[in-house]
Structure formats: structure tokens, C-alpha cells
Amino acid sequence: MKKISVVLTGILASAGLGLLSPPAAQAASCDGTYTIVVGGTGDNDSNAPYWQGNISQRVGYPAQPIGYNARQGVNELNRLIRDQRNACGGQHVKAVGFSLGAAVVHTWVTENWQTFDNVNAVLIADPKRAPGPGNAGAAGHPLIAPIAGFPLAGVDDFFGNIPTLTLCTDDVICDIDAASGLPGYLWEGKHGNYNFNVDVYSDDAGGQWYNGVYYP
């Protein structure tokens, strides 16, 4: 566990403040579901090749795992969703985040569940995942939380009445005690072992997929 602590702390601390300006957002259509995605570390425009499917909008933010940057991501996600809701009042919103982006979406849901309806969230490899099943995500580790900073630090499962689906599969980022451990994250591709096609996740998806088992 000590080795995990040191390496994971380095992963979070090495990125710097990432003072990158998000790209200008284009207006999205009012047709169908408004699906907005938030990329993980290094995916500053949420346009990495892993994303697939019908994506309406992508969140631009300095995607480095520090609380200050995560806050910028939450604020930008909030702005885009509010603007879209103002333009298309009856449209369903589906927010999907991966890794650091899942922490951004997680935080947005926790802060806005009383403000928005007709919305759901999908959290892929969320470092803020609360324990059960398995252990908590990396953001709950006692050595990582002080470095990560609010709102990235800490774990919870409070999503109010917004349907929220969490996915975690043998991945130390969303389960600090994952069987594959750090080798799985660093060399075995466990952190990318997910379905990134946003269309496979329904507009009312909730519960957890943990190591291939569904927990409603």
C-alpha cells in the first residue's frame, strides 16, 4: 500500500496547474439527447480518440488532476449545460466523464442535483467513487487527497435524484485495492478497459457496474 501511495501521489502531483485555455464551444443541436463529454487527464478538449458515438458537445478545460483545474472543468460543464438548457428547454442532458472527467461530472451532479431535472450522468473510472462494492477511488486515499485539493479530493455517492451510472473494472483509479494494482494502471491498460461509446448508455442509466457485475 505504501508503494501505491507514493506512485499515485506522483501521478496526481506531477501535472502542474495546466493553465490552458478551453477551446471556444459551438452551439449544439436541440434534437435528441444532448450528450456532453468530459475527458480524462491530458484530454484538454475532451476529444481523445477513445470517445465514440453521438456526442453533442465536449468540455474544454485544463485537464490535469489538481483541484483547481477540476473546478474549472465543473464550471465549464455547468456553463455549457445551462446554455443548452436555456436554448432547448425540454431536451434531455446526458453527461459522461472518464477518469478526471468523471470526477468533474460527479462534482457537477453533487452540486446541481436540485437545480436540473431531465438529466443523467455516466461516470467511467471515477476517482471519487465511494467504497462498496470494492474500495474507494484514488481521490479518497489519505495521501492523495491533500495534494489533489477540492473538489477533486474525497469520495462520495451522493447524486440526489439524478440517475447516475458508475463503471469500475479492476482499475486502481476507481478502486484503490483493485487486483491489478499499479501494474494494471501503468502497463496493462486496465484504466482504459471500458466502453467509451456514449450511445450504449441509456438516458436513465443508474447503479454500478463493478468488475463485470451490475449493482442497482
Protein backbone atom coordinates (compact mmCIF):
# COMPACT_ATOMS: atom_id res chain seq x y z
CA MET A 1 0.00 0.00 0.00
CA LYS A 2 2.92 2.37 0.73
CA LYS A 3 4.22 1.92 -2.81
CA ILE A 4 0.74 2.56 -4.21
CA SER A 5 0.53 5.74 -2.15
CA VAL A 6 3.85 7.09 -3.41
CA VAL A 7 3.21 6.36 -7.07
CA LEU A 8 -0.39 7.56 -7.11
CA THR A 9 0.64 10.72 -5.29
CA GLY A 10 3.22 11.29 -8.02
CA ILE A 11 0.61 10.75 -10.72
CA LEU A 12 -1.56 13.50 -9.25
CA ALA A 13 1.25 15.87 -8.30
CA SER A 14 3.34 15.79 -11.47
CA ALA A 15 0.92 17.52 -13.81
CA GLY A 16 1.22 21.15 -12.61
CA LEU A 17 -1.52 23.74 -12.80
CA GLY A 18 -2.15 23.28 -16.54
CA LEU A 19 -3.11 26.86 -17.38
CA LEU A 20 -4.62 26.02 -20.74
CA SER A 21 -7.49 27.95 -22.22
CA PRO A 22 -10.52 25.85 -23.23
CA PRO A 23 -11.49 25.98 -26.89
CA ALA A 24 -14.49 28.04 -27.90
CA ALA A 25 -17.65 25.94 -27.74
CA GLN A 26 -20.02 25.64 -30.67
CA ALA A 27 -23.79 25.59 -30.21
CA ALA A 28 -25.31 22.11 -30.07
CA SER A 29 -28.48 20.90 -31.74
CA CYS A 30 -31.77 20.72 -29.85
CA ASP A 31 -32.57 17.38 -31.49
CA GLY A 32 -32.39 14.15 -29.49
CA THR A 33 -30.32 13.83 -26.34
CA TYR A 34 -27.73 16.46 -25.55
CA THR A 35 -24.71 14.29 -24.73
CA ILE A 36 -21.77 16.18 -23.28
CA VAL A 37 -18.44 14.51 -22.51
CA VAL A 38 -15.54 15.41 -20.20
CA GLY A 39 -12.18 13.83 -20.93
CA GLY A 40 -9.57 12.49 -18.54
CA THR A 41 -6.08 13.73 -17.73
CA GLY A 42 -4.42 15.30 -20.75
CA ASP A 43 -7.63 15.38 -22.81
CA ASN A 44 -7.93 19.15 -22.65
CA ASP A 45 -10.61 19.42 -25.33
CA SER A 46 -12.40 16.13 -24.45
CA ASN A 47 -11.68 14.98 -28.00
CA ALA A 48 -9.41 11.97 -27.39
CA PRO A 49 -9.76 9.01 -29.79
CA TYR A 50 -11.41 6.82 -27.16
CA TRP A 51 -14.68 8.79 -27.35
CA GLN A 52 -17.26 7.30 -29.71
CA GLY A 53 -20.92 7.74 -30.57
CA ASN A 54 -23.26 10.68 -30.93
CA ILE A 55 -21.62 13.44 -28.90
CA SER A 56 -23.29 16.83 -28.84
CA GLN A 57 -20.60 18.82 -27.06
CA ARG A 58 -17.17 18.44 -25.45
CA VAL A 59 -15.89 20.26 -22.39
CA GLY A 60 -12.63 22.16 -22.77
CA TYR A 61 -10.65 22.62 -19.56
CA PRO A 62 -7.06 22.28 -18.26
CA ALA A 63 -7.28 18.52 -17.78
CA GLN A 64 -4.65 17.92 -15.12
CA PRO A 65 -5.51 16.20 -11.82
CA ILE A 66 -5.45 19.13 -9.44
CA GLY A 67 -8.49 20.54 -7.66
CA TYR A 68 -8.13 24.00 -9.22
CA ASN A 69 -8.30 22.51 -12.70
CA ALA A 70 -11.17 20.19 -11.80
CA ARG A 71 -13.09 23.23 -10.57
CA GLN A 72 -12.57 24.90 -13.93
CA GLY A 73 -13.94 21.79 -15.59
CA VAL A 74 -17.01 21.77 -13.33
CA ASN A 75 -17.64 25.45 -14.03
CA GLU A 76 -17.33 24.99 -17.78
CA LEU A 77 -19.57 21.91 -17.75
CA ASN A 78 -22.12 23.90 -15.77
CA ARG A 79 -21.98 26.82 -18.21
CA LEU A 80 -22.44 24.63 -21.26
CA ILE A 81 -25.34 22.67 -19.77
CA ARG A 82 -27.07 25.85 -18.60
CA ASP A 83 -26.66 27.49 -22.00
CA GLN A 84 -28.02 24.40 -23.74
CA ARG A 85 -30.94 24.12 -21.34
CA ASN A 86 -31.79 27.79 -21.90
CA ALA A 87 -31.78 27.22 -25.65
CA CYS A 88 -33.51 23.80 -25.62
CA GLY A 89 -35.66 23.65 -22.50
CA GLY A 90 -37.15 20.18 -22.95
CA GLN A 91 -34.02 18.39 -24.11
CA HIS A 92 -32.58 15.53 -22.06
CA VAL A 93 -28.98 16.01 -20.89
CA LYS A 94 -26.57 13.09 -20.58
CA ALA A 95 -23.20 13.99 -19.04
CA VAL A 96 -20.42 11.42 -19.47
CA GLY A 97 -16.97 11.67 -17.87
CA PHE A 98 -13.87 9.49 -17.84
CA SER A 99 -11.31 9.41 -15.01
CA LEU A 100 -10.58 13.05 -14.10
CA GLY A 101 -13.56 13.94 -16.29
CA ALA A 102 -15.72 11.55 -14.27
CA ALA A 103 -14.68 13.45 -11.13
CA VAL A 104 -15.77 16.66 -12.86
CA VAL A 105 -19.17 15.23 -13.81
CA HIS A 106 -19.51 13.66 -10.34
CA THR A 107 -18.92 17.03 -8.70
CA TRP A 108 -21.35 18.77 -11.05
CA VAL A 109 -24.11 16.28 -10.21
CA THR A 110 -23.49 16.60 -6.47
CA GLU A 111 -23.68 20.38 -6.70
CA ASN A 112 -26.60 20.68 -9.12
CA TRP A 113 -29.00 17.81 -8.48
CA GLN A 114 -31.58 20.22 -7.05
CA THR A 115 -31.23 22.62 -9.98
CA PHE A 116 -31.68 20.37 -13.01
CA ASP A 117 -34.13 17.67 -13.99
CA ASN A 118 -34.31 15.55 -17.16
CA VAL A 119 -30.59 14.73 -16.85
CA ASN A 120 -28.43 11.68 -16.14
CA ALA A 121 -24.73 11.02 -15.68
CA VAL A 122 -22.26 8.27 -16.58
CA LEU A 123 -19.03 8.07 -14.56
CA ILE A 124 -16.32 5.92 -16.13
CA ALA A 125 -13.37 5.10 -13.82
CA ASP A 126 -14.33 7.79 -11.31
CA PRO A 127 -11.55 8.56 -8.79
CA LYS A 128 -14.23 9.97 -6.45
CA ARG A 129 -16.13 6.65 -6.38
CA ALA A 130 -17.30 5.75 -2.88
CA PRO A 131 -16.49 2.27 -1.48
CA GLY A 132 -18.94 -0.57 -1.84
CA PRO A 133 -18.54 -2.73 -3.81
CA GLY A 134 -14.76 -2.68 -3.58
CA ASN A 135 -12.76 0.11 -2.03
CA ALA A 136 -12.91 3.84 -2.70
CA GLY A 137 -11.32 5.57 -5.66
CA ALA A 138 -7.88 7.18 -5.61
CA ALA A 139 -9.27 10.57 -4.59
CA GLY A 140 -10.14 9.09 -1.20
CA HIS A 141 -6.61 7.98 -0.42
CA PRO A 142 -5.30 9.86 2.66
CA LEU A 143 -2.02 10.79 0.97
CA ILE A 144 -3.59 11.85 -2.30
CA ALA A 145 -6.48 13.96 -1.05
CA PRO A 146 -4.35 16.80 0.37
CA ILE A 147 -2.42 17.06 -2.91
CA ALA A 148 -5.46 16.80 -5.17
CA GLY A 149 -7.41 19.53 -3.39
CA PHE A 150 -11.10 20.36 -3.51
CA PRO A 151 -13.27 19.40 -5.35
CA LEU A 152 -11.16 16.55 -6.73
CA ALA A 153 -10.25 15.22 -3.28
CA GLY A 154 -12.64 12.97 -1.40
CA VAL A 155 -15.21 10.35 -2.34
CA ASP A 156 -19.00 10.14 -2.07
CA ASP A 157 -22.04 8.58 -3.71
CA PHE A 158 -24.44 11.46 -3.29
CA PHE A 159 -26.16 12.18 -6.60
CA GLY A 160 -29.56 13.27 -5.34
CA ASN A 161 -32.32 12.29 -7.75
CA ILE A 162 -30.12 12.35 -10.88
CA PRO A 163 -29.74 8.82 -12.31
CA THR A 164 -26.00 8.14 -12.23
CA LEU A 165 -24.21 5.08 -13.60
CA THR A 166 -20.71 4.29 -12.29
CA LEU A 167 -18.35 1.89 -14.05
CA CYS A 168 -15.20 0.43 -12.46
CA THR A 169 -13.35 -2.66 -13.70
CA ASP A 170 -10.13 -3.79 -11.96
CA ASP A 171 -8.87 -0.23 -12.04
CA VAL A 172 -6.85 1.37 -9.25
CA ILE A 173 -8.14 4.84 -10.14
CA CYS A 174 -11.71 3.98 -9.13
CA ASP A 175 -10.83 1.19 -6.65
CA ILE A 176 -7.58 1.71 -4.75
CA ASP A 177 -7.44 -2.01 -3.90
CA ALA A 178 -8.01 -3.28 -7.44
CA ALA A 179 -6.47 -6.70 -8.01
CA SER A 180 -4.33 -5.50 -10.92
CA GLY A 181 -2.81 -2.77 -8.74
CA LEU A 182 -0.42 -0.22 -10.19
CA PRO A 183 0.89 -2.59 -12.91
CA GLY A 184 -2.64 -2.77 -14.25
CA TYR A 185 -2.81 1.02 -14.42
CA LEU A 186 0.71 1.66 -15.70
CA TRP A 187 1.32 -1.20 -18.12
CA GLU A 188 -1.71 -3.42 -18.62
CA GLY A 189 -4.26 -0.94 -19.90
CA LYS A 190 -6.82 -1.59 -17.15
CA HIS A 191 -7.65 2.10 -16.89
CA GLY A 192 -8.82 2.14 -20.50
CA ASN A 193 -10.77 -1.12 -20.37
CA TYR A 194 -14.22 0.43 -20.77
CA ASN A 195 -16.82 1.06 -23.43
CA PHE A 196 -16.47 4.70 -24.50
CA ASN A 197 -19.39 4.64 -26.94
CA VAL A 198 -21.76 7.09 -25.30
CA ASP A 199 -24.72 5.62 -27.17
CA VAL A 200 -24.63 2.35 -25.20
CA TYR A 201 -25.59 4.18 -22.00
CA SER A 202 -29.29 4.92 -21.71
CA ASP A 203 -30.81 8.22 -20.64
CA ASP A 204 -31.95 6.73 -17.32
CA ALA A 205 -28.93 4.54 -16.51
CA GLY A 206 -28.09 4.22 -12.82
CA GLY A 207 -26.35 1.94 -10.34
CA GLN A 208 -22.88 0.46 -10.72
CA TRP A 209 -21.02 -1.90 -12.99
CA TYR A 210 -18.17 -3.20 -10.85
CA ASN A 211 -15.81 -5.86 -12.24
CA GLY A 212 -18.46 -7.04 -14.66
CA VAL A 213 -21.29 -7.32 -12.13
CA TYR A 214 -24.20 -4.91 -12.02
CA TYR A 215 -25.27 -3.46 -8.67
CA PRO A 216 -28.53 -1.46 -8.95
